[in-house]
N, C-alpha and C. Protein backbone atom coordinates (compact mmCIF):
# COMPACT_ATOMS: atom_id res chain seq x y z
N MET A 1 0.85 -1.17 0.00
CA MET A 1 0.00 0.00 0.00
C MET A 1 0.90 1.24 0.00
N LYS A 2 0.49 2.25 -0.78
CA LYS A 2 1.20 3.53 -0.87
C LYS A 2 0.27 4.64 -0.45
N ILE A 3 0.87 5.77 -0.08
CA ILE A 3 0.09 6.97 0.24
C ILE A 3 0.70 8.14 -0.53
N CYS A 4 -0.14 8.92 -1.17
CA CYS A 4 0.31 10.07 -1.95
C CYS A 4 0.84 11.14 -1.00
N THR A 5 2.00 11.71 -1.33
CA THR A 5 2.58 12.74 -0.46
C THR A 5 1.84 14.07 -0.56
N PHE A 6 1.05 14.27 -1.60
CA PHE A 6 0.35 15.55 -1.77
C PHE A 6 -1.07 15.52 -1.23
N CYS A 7 -1.85 14.53 -1.65
CA CYS A 7 -3.27 14.53 -1.25
C CYS A 7 -3.58 13.51 -0.16
N GLY A 8 -2.66 12.59 0.13
CA GLY A 8 -2.90 11.60 1.18
C GLY A 8 -3.72 10.42 0.73
N GLY A 9 -3.98 10.32 -0.57
CA GLY A 9 -4.77 9.21 -1.09
C GLY A 9 -3.99 7.89 -1.03
N ARG A 10 -4.67 6.84 -0.70
CA ARG A 10 -4.04 5.52 -0.60
C ARG A 10 -4.26 4.74 -1.89
N THR A 11 -3.18 4.11 -2.38
CA THR A 11 -3.26 3.34 -3.62
C THR A 11 -2.50 2.03 -3.45
N GLU A 12 -2.62 1.18 -4.45
CA GLU A 12 -1.89 -0.09 -4.45
C GLU A 12 -0.43 0.15 -4.77
N ASN A 13 0.43 -0.81 -4.46
CA ASN A 13 1.87 -0.69 -4.70
C ASN A 13 2.21 -0.54 -6.18
N SER A 14 1.40 -1.10 -7.06
CA SER A 14 1.70 -1.07 -8.50
C SER A 14 1.34 0.27 -9.16
N THR A 15 0.62 1.12 -8.46
CA THR A 15 0.17 2.39 -9.03
C THR A 15 1.36 3.34 -9.20
N LYS A 16 1.46 3.97 -10.37
CA LYS A 16 2.54 4.92 -10.67
C LYS A 16 2.09 6.36 -10.51
N VAL A 17 0.79 6.63 -10.75
CA VAL A 17 0.25 7.99 -10.70
C VAL A 17 -0.97 7.98 -9.77
N CYS A 18 -1.03 8.97 -8.89
CA CYS A 18 -2.16 9.07 -7.97
C CYS A 18 -3.45 9.35 -8.75
N THR A 19 -4.46 8.58 -8.49
CA THR A 19 -5.74 8.75 -9.20
C THR A 19 -6.49 9.98 -8.72
N ASN A 20 -6.16 10.51 -7.54
CA ASN A 20 -6.86 11.69 -7.01
C ASN A 20 -6.28 12.99 -7.55
N CYS A 21 -4.92 13.11 -7.55
CA CYS A 21 -4.32 14.40 -7.89
C CYS A 21 -3.29 14.33 -9.01
N GLY A 22 -2.93 13.15 -9.48
CA GLY A 22 -1.98 13.01 -10.57
C GLY A 22 -0.52 13.05 -10.14
N SER A 23 -0.25 13.08 -8.87
CA SER A 23 1.13 13.12 -8.36
C SER A 23 1.81 11.78 -8.62
N GLN A 24 3.13 11.83 -8.70
CA GLN A 24 3.92 10.61 -8.86
C GLN A 24 4.82 10.36 -7.66
N GLN A 25 4.56 11.06 -6.57
CA GLN A 25 5.37 10.91 -5.37
C GLN A 25 4.55 10.23 -4.28
N PHE A 26 5.10 9.11 -3.80
CA PHE A 26 4.39 8.31 -2.81
C PHE A 26 5.30 7.95 -1.65
N LEU A 27 4.70 7.68 -0.51
CA LEU A 27 5.37 7.05 0.62
C LEU A 27 4.80 5.65 0.74
N ASN A 28 5.65 4.72 1.13
CA ASN A 28 5.18 3.35 1.35
C ASN A 28 4.55 3.25 2.73
N ILE A 29 3.62 2.33 2.87
CA ILE A 29 3.00 2.05 4.17
C ILE A 29 3.40 0.64 4.55
N CYS A 30 4.01 0.50 5.70
CA CYS A 30 4.46 -0.82 6.16
C CYS A 30 3.26 -1.73 6.38
N PRO A 31 3.26 -2.92 5.78
CA PRO A 31 2.13 -3.83 5.99
C PRO A 31 2.12 -4.43 7.39
N ASN A 32 3.26 -4.35 8.09
CA ASN A 32 3.36 -4.95 9.41
C ASN A 32 2.97 -3.97 10.52
N CYS A 33 3.56 -2.76 10.50
CA CYS A 33 3.33 -1.82 11.61
C CYS A 33 2.61 -0.54 11.17
N SER A 34 2.26 -0.41 9.88
CA SER A 34 1.51 0.71 9.31
C SER A 34 2.25 2.04 9.34
N ARG A 35 3.56 2.03 9.48
CA ARG A 35 4.33 3.28 9.46
C ARG A 35 4.53 3.73 8.01
N GLU A 36 4.47 5.04 7.79
CA GLU A 36 4.73 5.60 6.47
C GLU A 36 6.24 5.84 6.35
N PHE A 37 6.84 5.47 5.20
CA PHE A 37 8.28 5.62 5.03
C PHE A 37 8.62 5.68 3.55
N SER A 38 9.79 6.23 3.25
CA SER A 38 10.30 6.19 1.88
C SER A 38 11.37 5.10 1.83
N GLY A 39 11.60 4.54 0.68
CA GLY A 39 12.55 3.45 0.57
C GLY A 39 11.83 2.12 0.48
N SER A 40 12.61 1.05 0.57
CA SER A 40 12.03 -0.28 0.40
C SER A 40 11.69 -0.96 1.72
N PHE A 41 12.40 -0.63 2.81
CA PHE A 41 12.22 -1.34 4.07
C PHE A 41 11.79 -0.38 5.17
N CYS A 42 10.87 -0.84 6.00
CA CYS A 42 10.38 -0.04 7.12
C CYS A 42 11.50 0.18 8.13
N PRO A 43 11.76 1.42 8.52
CA PRO A 43 12.82 1.67 9.49
C PRO A 43 12.45 1.21 10.91
N THR A 44 11.19 0.96 11.17
CA THR A 44 10.76 0.53 12.49
C THR A 44 10.89 -0.97 12.68
N CYS A 45 10.34 -1.75 11.74
CA CYS A 45 10.33 -3.20 11.94
C CYS A 45 11.13 -3.98 10.88
N GLY A 46 11.60 -3.30 9.83
CA GLY A 46 12.42 -3.97 8.82
C GLY A 46 11.66 -4.72 7.76
N THR A 47 10.35 -4.62 7.75
CA THR A 47 9.54 -5.32 6.76
C THR A 47 9.59 -4.59 5.42
N ARG A 48 9.71 -5.33 4.33
CA ARG A 48 9.71 -4.74 2.99
C ARG A 48 8.31 -4.23 2.68
N TYR A 49 8.23 -3.13 1.93
CA TYR A 49 6.93 -2.48 1.67
C TYR A 49 5.95 -3.40 0.94
N ASP A 50 6.46 -4.33 0.13
CA ASP A 50 5.57 -5.22 -0.62
C ASP A 50 5.62 -6.66 -0.11
N ALA A 51 5.98 -6.83 1.14
CA ALA A 51 6.10 -8.18 1.70
C ALA A 51 4.73 -8.86 1.76
N PRO A 52 4.69 -10.12 1.36
CA PRO A 52 3.41 -10.85 1.47
C PRO A 52 3.17 -11.26 2.93
N SER A 53 1.92 -11.29 3.29
CA SER A 53 1.60 -11.71 4.66
C SER A 53 1.44 -13.22 4.70
N HIS A 54 1.71 -13.77 5.86
CA HIS A 54 1.52 -15.20 6.12
C HIS A 54 0.57 -15.31 7.30
N VAL A 55 -0.19 -16.38 7.34
CA VAL A 55 -1.04 -16.66 8.48
C VAL A 55 -0.53 -17.94 9.12
N CYS A 56 -0.19 -17.85 10.39
CA CYS A 56 0.38 -19.01 11.09
C CYS A 56 -0.68 -20.11 11.22
N PRO A 57 -0.34 -21.34 10.83
CA PRO A 57 -1.31 -22.42 10.96
C PRO A 57 -1.49 -22.89 12.40
N LYS A 58 -0.60 -22.49 13.28
CA LYS A 58 -0.70 -22.91 14.67
C LYS A 58 -1.54 -21.95 15.51
N CYS A 59 -1.29 -20.63 15.35
CA CYS A 59 -1.98 -19.67 16.22
C CYS A 59 -2.82 -18.65 15.45
N ASN A 60 -2.86 -18.76 14.12
CA ASN A 60 -3.66 -17.89 13.24
C ASN A 60 -3.25 -16.42 13.29
N ARG A 61 -2.04 -16.13 13.68
CA ARG A 61 -1.56 -14.75 13.68
C ARG A 61 -1.00 -14.38 12.31
N LYS A 62 -1.28 -13.17 11.87
CA LYS A 62 -0.76 -12.67 10.61
C LYS A 62 0.65 -12.14 10.88
N TYR A 63 1.63 -12.54 10.03
CA TYR A 63 3.01 -12.09 10.21
C TYR A 63 3.70 -11.95 8.86
N TYR A 64 4.85 -11.25 8.84
CA TYR A 64 5.54 -10.93 7.59
C TYR A 64 6.97 -11.47 7.54
N SER A 65 7.43 -12.13 8.56
CA SER A 65 8.79 -12.69 8.57
C SER A 65 8.71 -14.18 8.27
N LYS A 66 9.85 -14.88 8.34
CA LYS A 66 9.85 -16.31 8.06
C LYS A 66 9.24 -17.12 9.21
N ALA A 67 9.43 -16.66 10.43
CA ALA A 67 8.92 -17.37 11.60
C ALA A 67 7.85 -16.54 12.30
N CYS A 68 6.86 -17.21 12.83
CA CYS A 68 5.80 -16.54 13.57
C CYS A 68 6.37 -16.02 14.89
N PRO A 69 6.24 -14.72 15.15
CA PRO A 69 6.77 -14.19 16.40
C PRO A 69 5.97 -14.60 17.63
N ASN A 70 4.77 -15.12 17.42
CA ASN A 70 3.92 -15.49 18.54
C ASN A 70 4.21 -16.90 19.06
N CYS A 71 4.32 -17.88 18.14
CA CYS A 71 4.47 -19.27 18.60
C CYS A 71 5.74 -19.96 18.12
N GLY A 72 6.49 -19.34 17.22
CA GLY A 72 7.74 -19.93 16.77
C GLY A 72 7.64 -20.81 15.54
N TYR A 73 6.46 -20.93 14.94
CA TYR A 73 6.31 -21.74 13.74
C TYR A 73 7.16 -21.15 12.62
N ILE A 74 7.91 -22.02 11.91
CA ILE A 74 8.74 -21.56 10.80
C ILE A 74 8.08 -21.96 9.50
N GLN A 75 7.84 -20.96 8.66
CA GLN A 75 7.14 -21.16 7.40
C GLN A 75 7.93 -22.09 6.47
N GLY A 76 7.23 -22.99 5.82
CA GLY A 76 7.81 -23.82 4.79
C GLY A 76 8.50 -25.07 5.28
N SER A 77 8.59 -25.27 6.59
CA SER A 77 9.29 -26.46 7.06
C SER A 77 8.35 -27.54 7.53
N GLY A 78 7.07 -27.25 7.62
CA GLY A 78 6.10 -28.25 8.02
C GLY A 78 6.08 -28.43 9.52
N SER A 79 4.93 -28.76 10.05
CA SER A 79 4.82 -28.86 11.50
C SER A 79 5.44 -30.13 12.05
N SER A 80 5.70 -31.13 11.20
CA SER A 80 6.28 -32.37 11.71
C SER A 80 7.79 -32.28 11.84
N SER A 81 8.39 -31.30 11.20
CA SER A 81 9.84 -31.12 11.27
C SER A 81 10.23 -30.64 12.66
N GLN A 82 11.41 -31.02 13.09
CA GLN A 82 11.84 -30.57 14.41
C GLN A 82 12.07 -29.07 14.44
N TYR A 83 12.27 -28.46 13.27
CA TYR A 83 12.45 -27.01 13.22
C TYR A 83 11.18 -26.29 12.81
N GLY A 84 10.14 -27.03 12.44
CA GLY A 84 8.93 -26.41 11.94
C GLY A 84 8.13 -25.71 13.02
N TYR A 85 8.10 -26.25 14.20
CA TYR A 85 7.32 -25.66 15.26
C TYR A 85 7.95 -26.03 16.58
N ARG A 86 8.09 -25.04 17.39
CA ARG A 86 8.56 -25.31 18.74
C ARG A 86 7.73 -24.48 19.69
N LYS A 87 7.37 -25.07 20.77
CA LYS A 87 6.60 -24.34 21.76
C LYS A 87 7.55 -23.44 22.54
N PRO A 88 7.27 -22.15 22.57
CA PRO A 88 8.19 -21.25 23.26
C PRO A 88 8.13 -21.42 24.77
N SER A 89 9.28 -21.37 25.39
CA SER A 89 9.32 -21.43 26.84
C SER A 89 9.16 -20.01 27.38
N ILE A 90 9.06 -19.90 28.67
CA ILE A 90 8.95 -18.58 29.29
C ILE A 90 10.19 -17.76 28.97
N MET A 91 11.36 -18.40 28.95
CA MET A 91 12.60 -17.69 28.70
C MET A 91 12.73 -17.26 27.24
N ASP A 92 11.94 -17.85 26.31
CA ASP A 92 12.04 -17.50 24.90
C ASP A 92 11.29 -16.23 24.54
N GLN A 93 10.53 -15.68 25.43
CA GLN A 93 9.70 -14.54 25.09
C GLN A 93 10.51 -13.32 24.68
N ASP A 94 11.68 -13.15 25.29
CA ASP A 94 12.47 -11.97 24.98
C ASP A 94 13.94 -12.27 25.20
N VAL A 95 14.74 -12.07 24.16
CA VAL A 95 16.17 -12.35 24.25
C VAL A 95 16.82 -11.51 25.33
N ASN A 96 16.43 -10.25 25.43
CA ASN A 96 17.03 -9.39 26.44
C ASN A 96 16.76 -9.89 27.85
N ASN A 97 15.58 -10.44 28.09
CA ASN A 97 15.29 -10.99 29.42
C ASN A 97 16.18 -12.19 29.71
N ARG A 98 16.42 -13.04 28.72
CA ARG A 98 17.30 -14.20 28.94
C ARG A 98 18.71 -13.76 29.25
N VAL A 99 19.19 -12.76 28.53
CA VAL A 99 20.54 -12.27 28.76
C VAL A 99 20.63 -11.63 30.14
N ARG A 100 19.61 -10.89 30.52
CA ARG A 100 19.61 -10.27 31.85
C ARG A 100 19.61 -11.31 32.95
N VAL A 101 18.90 -12.43 32.75
CA VAL A 101 18.89 -13.49 33.75
C VAL A 101 20.29 -14.09 33.91
N ALA A 102 20.98 -14.33 32.80
CA ALA A 102 22.34 -14.87 32.88
C ALA A 102 23.26 -13.90 33.61
N PHE A 103 23.13 -12.61 33.29
CA PHE A 103 23.96 -11.60 33.94
C PHE A 103 23.63 -11.51 35.43
N LEU A 104 22.35 -11.57 35.78
CA LEU A 104 21.94 -11.51 37.18
C LEU A 104 22.50 -12.69 37.97
N PHE A 105 22.44 -13.90 37.39
CA PHE A 105 23.01 -15.05 38.06
C PHE A 105 24.51 -14.89 38.27
N SER A 106 25.20 -14.30 37.31
CA SER A 106 26.65 -14.13 37.47
C SER A 106 26.96 -13.15 38.58
N ILE A 107 26.21 -12.06 38.69
CA ILE A 107 26.44 -11.09 39.75
C ILE A 107 26.05 -11.67 41.11
N LEU A 108 24.89 -12.32 41.20
CA LEU A 108 24.49 -12.95 42.46
C LEU A 108 25.47 -14.04 42.88
N GLY A 109 26.00 -14.75 41.90
CA GLY A 109 26.95 -15.81 42.19
C GLY A 109 28.23 -15.29 42.82
N MET A 110 28.61 -14.09 42.46
CA MET A 110 29.83 -13.51 43.04
C MET A 110 29.68 -13.26 44.54
N PHE A 111 28.47 -12.94 44.99
CA PHE A 111 28.30 -12.48 46.36
C PHE A 111 27.51 -13.42 47.27
N THR A 112 26.72 -14.32 46.73
CA THR A 112 25.88 -15.14 47.60
C THR A 112 26.33 -16.60 47.61
N LEU A 113 25.96 -17.33 46.61
CA LEU A 113 26.34 -18.74 46.48
C LEU A 113 27.25 -18.85 45.27
N PRO A 114 28.55 -18.59 45.44
CA PRO A 114 29.42 -18.42 44.27
C PRO A 114 29.44 -19.60 43.31
N ILE A 115 29.53 -20.80 43.81
CA ILE A 115 29.73 -21.92 42.88
C ILE A 115 28.45 -22.26 42.12
N PRO A 116 27.31 -22.56 42.77
CA PRO A 116 26.14 -22.97 41.98
C PRO A 116 25.58 -21.87 41.09
N LEU A 117 25.47 -20.65 41.61
CA LEU A 117 24.90 -19.58 40.78
C LEU A 117 25.85 -19.18 39.65
N SER A 118 27.13 -19.24 39.91
CA SER A 118 28.09 -18.91 38.84
C SER A 118 28.07 -19.97 37.75
N ILE A 119 27.90 -21.22 38.12
CA ILE A 119 27.81 -22.28 37.11
C ILE A 119 26.54 -22.10 36.27
N ILE A 120 25.44 -21.71 36.92
CA ILE A 120 24.20 -21.44 36.17
C ILE A 120 24.42 -20.27 35.22
N ALA A 121 25.13 -19.22 35.68
CA ALA A 121 25.40 -18.06 34.82
C ALA A 121 26.25 -18.46 33.62
N ILE A 122 27.25 -19.31 33.84
CA ILE A 122 28.09 -19.77 32.73
C ILE A 122 27.23 -20.55 31.73
N TYR A 123 26.40 -21.45 32.24
CA TYR A 123 25.54 -22.26 31.38
C TYR A 123 24.61 -21.37 30.54
N LEU A 124 23.93 -20.41 31.18
CA LEU A 124 23.01 -19.55 30.46
C LEU A 124 23.74 -18.66 29.45
N GLY A 125 24.91 -18.17 29.82
CA GLY A 125 25.69 -17.34 28.91
C GLY A 125 26.15 -18.11 27.68
N VAL A 126 26.64 -19.33 27.90
CA VAL A 126 27.09 -20.17 26.78
C VAL A 126 25.90 -20.55 25.89
N LYS A 127 24.76 -20.81 26.51
CA LYS A 127 23.55 -21.14 25.74
C LYS A 127 23.15 -19.98 24.84
N GLU A 128 23.20 -18.75 25.36
CA GLU A 128 22.87 -17.58 24.55
C GLU A 128 23.90 -17.36 23.45
N LYS A 129 25.17 -17.61 23.76
CA LYS A 129 26.22 -17.44 22.75
C LYS A 129 26.01 -18.43 21.61
N LYS A 130 25.66 -19.69 21.94
CA LYS A 130 25.40 -20.70 20.91
C LYS A 130 24.17 -20.36 20.09
N ALA A 131 23.21 -19.67 20.70
CA ALA A 131 21.99 -19.27 19.98
C ALA A 131 22.24 -18.07 19.07
N GLY A 132 23.46 -17.53 19.13
CA GLY A 132 23.80 -16.42 18.25
C GLY A 132 23.58 -15.06 18.87
N ASN A 133 23.22 -15.01 20.13
CA ASN A 133 23.02 -13.73 20.80
C ASN A 133 24.35 -13.28 21.39
N THR A 134 24.87 -12.23 20.84
CA THR A 134 26.13 -11.70 21.34
C THR A 134 25.90 -10.34 21.94
N GLY A 135 26.84 -9.91 22.70
CA GLY A 135 26.72 -8.61 23.32
C GLY A 135 27.51 -8.58 24.61
N PRO A 136 27.63 -7.40 25.19
CA PRO A 136 28.45 -7.28 26.39
C PRO A 136 27.91 -8.05 27.58
N PHE A 137 26.57 -8.15 27.71
CA PHE A 137 26.03 -8.86 28.86
C PHE A 137 26.25 -10.36 28.76
N VAL A 138 26.19 -10.92 27.57
CA VAL A 138 26.42 -12.35 27.40
C VAL A 138 27.86 -12.69 27.76
N THR A 139 28.81 -11.96 27.20
CA THR A 139 30.22 -12.21 27.49
C THR A 139 30.53 -11.94 28.95
N THR A 140 29.99 -10.86 29.49
CA THR A 140 30.23 -10.52 30.89
C THR A 140 29.68 -11.59 31.83
N SER A 141 28.52 -12.12 31.52
CA SER A 141 27.95 -13.15 32.40
C SER A 141 28.82 -14.41 32.40
N ILE A 142 29.40 -14.75 31.26
CA ILE A 142 30.29 -15.91 31.21
C ILE A 142 31.56 -15.63 32.00
N VAL A 143 32.18 -14.47 31.79
CA VAL A 143 33.43 -14.14 32.47
C VAL A 143 33.21 -14.01 33.97
N VAL A 144 32.18 -13.29 34.38
CA VAL A 144 31.91 -13.12 35.80
C VAL A 144 31.52 -14.46 36.43
N GLY A 145 30.82 -15.31 35.69
CA GLY A 145 30.49 -16.64 36.19
C GLY A 145 31.74 -17.47 36.43
N ILE A 146 32.70 -17.40 35.52
CA ILE A 146 33.97 -18.14 35.70
C ILE A 146 34.72 -17.59 36.90
N VAL A 147 34.79 -16.27 37.00
CA VAL A 147 35.49 -15.65 38.15
C VAL A 147 34.79 -16.03 39.45
N GLY A 148 33.47 -16.01 39.47
CA GLY A 148 32.72 -16.40 40.66
C GLY A 148 32.96 -17.85 41.04
N THR A 149 33.04 -18.72 40.05
CA THR A 149 33.32 -20.13 40.33
C THR A 149 34.72 -20.30 40.92
N ILE A 150 35.69 -19.58 40.38
CA ILE A 150 37.06 -19.66 40.90
C ILE A 150 37.12 -19.11 42.32
N ILE A 151 36.50 -17.96 42.56
CA ILE A 151 36.50 -17.38 43.91
C ILE A 151 35.78 -18.31 44.88
N GLY A 152 34.65 -18.85 44.48
CA GLY A 152 33.92 -19.79 45.34
C GLY A 152 34.73 -21.03 45.64
N SER A 153 35.46 -21.53 44.64
CA SER A 153 36.30 -22.72 44.86
C SER A 153 37.44 -22.41 45.82
N ILE A 154 38.07 -21.27 45.66
CA ILE A 154 39.15 -20.87 46.58
C ILE A 154 38.60 -20.71 48.00
N TYR A 155 37.45 -20.08 48.11
CA TYR A 155 36.82 -19.90 49.41
C TYR A 155 36.48 -21.25 50.04
N LEU A 156 35.95 -22.18 49.26
CA LEU A 156 35.62 -23.51 49.76
C LEU A 156 36.86 -24.26 50.20
N ILE A 157 37.93 -24.17 49.43
CA ILE A 157 39.20 -24.81 49.81
C ILE A 157 39.73 -24.21 51.10
N PHE A 158 39.66 -22.89 51.24
CA PHE A 158 40.12 -22.21 52.45
C PHE A 158 39.33 -22.69 53.66
N ILE A 159 38.02 -22.81 53.53
CA ILE A 159 37.19 -23.28 54.65
C ILE A 159 37.54 -24.72 55.01
N LEU A 160 37.69 -25.58 53.99
CA LEU A 160 38.03 -26.98 54.26
C LEU A 160 39.40 -27.10 54.93
N LEU A 161 40.37 -26.34 54.48
CA LEU A 161 41.69 -26.38 55.10
C LEU A 161 41.64 -25.88 56.55
N SER A 162 40.88 -24.83 56.82
CA SER A 162 40.80 -24.36 58.20
C SER A 162 40.10 -25.36 59.10
N ILE A 163 39.10 -26.08 58.56
CA ILE A 163 38.46 -27.13 59.35
C ILE A 163 39.45 -28.26 59.63
N ILE A 164 40.19 -28.65 58.62
CA ILE A 164 41.18 -29.74 58.79
C ILE A 164 42.24 -29.33 59.80
N PHE A 165 42.78 -28.11 59.71
CA PHE A 165 43.81 -27.67 60.65
C PHE A 165 43.27 -27.53 62.07
N SER A 166 42.01 -27.13 62.20
CA SER A 166 41.44 -27.01 63.56
C SER A 166 41.21 -28.39 64.16
N LEU A 167 40.95 -29.42 63.34
CA LEU A 167 40.77 -30.78 63.84
C LEU A 167 42.12 -31.42 64.21
N LEU A 168 43.17 -31.02 63.53
CA LEU A 168 44.50 -31.59 63.80
C LEU A 168 45.12 -31.04 65.07
N LYS A 169 44.69 -29.93 65.60
CA LYS A 169 45.27 -29.34 66.81
C LYS A 169 44.90 -30.04 68.05
């Protein structure tokens, strides 16, 4: 869908001349988020101006990308394929939330329960890295998790040695 820059009339993408005023200048209307823009791709959501819509067979949501953002169904792979449909977990709702959880575990691991929470932070950070999510929080959660595990191990060794020396006296 296009909108005329002079009269505001809406026309189809194939139209070259506005039927209302004869203008040849148009803005595209994003089929996904309805933003008006010039160029081929929406600056808000990245959808091409003439992108075809898909209807998800699992949740009936209309979408313009390859995968349904609501349920994870991937177009063209079939529902029986292991990649065709996956039920999203609570952690899959937002990548930033998953990364924040890994970072939170790494920070908590440094100060509370260093070994178990730091190991969880390392696991979550590595999982995000393998999923292709990069960024400072992912790397930091892995590094801080490793440091927390080392500090926790040193602390545990120190406690065990002091117990052993107090028993030997």
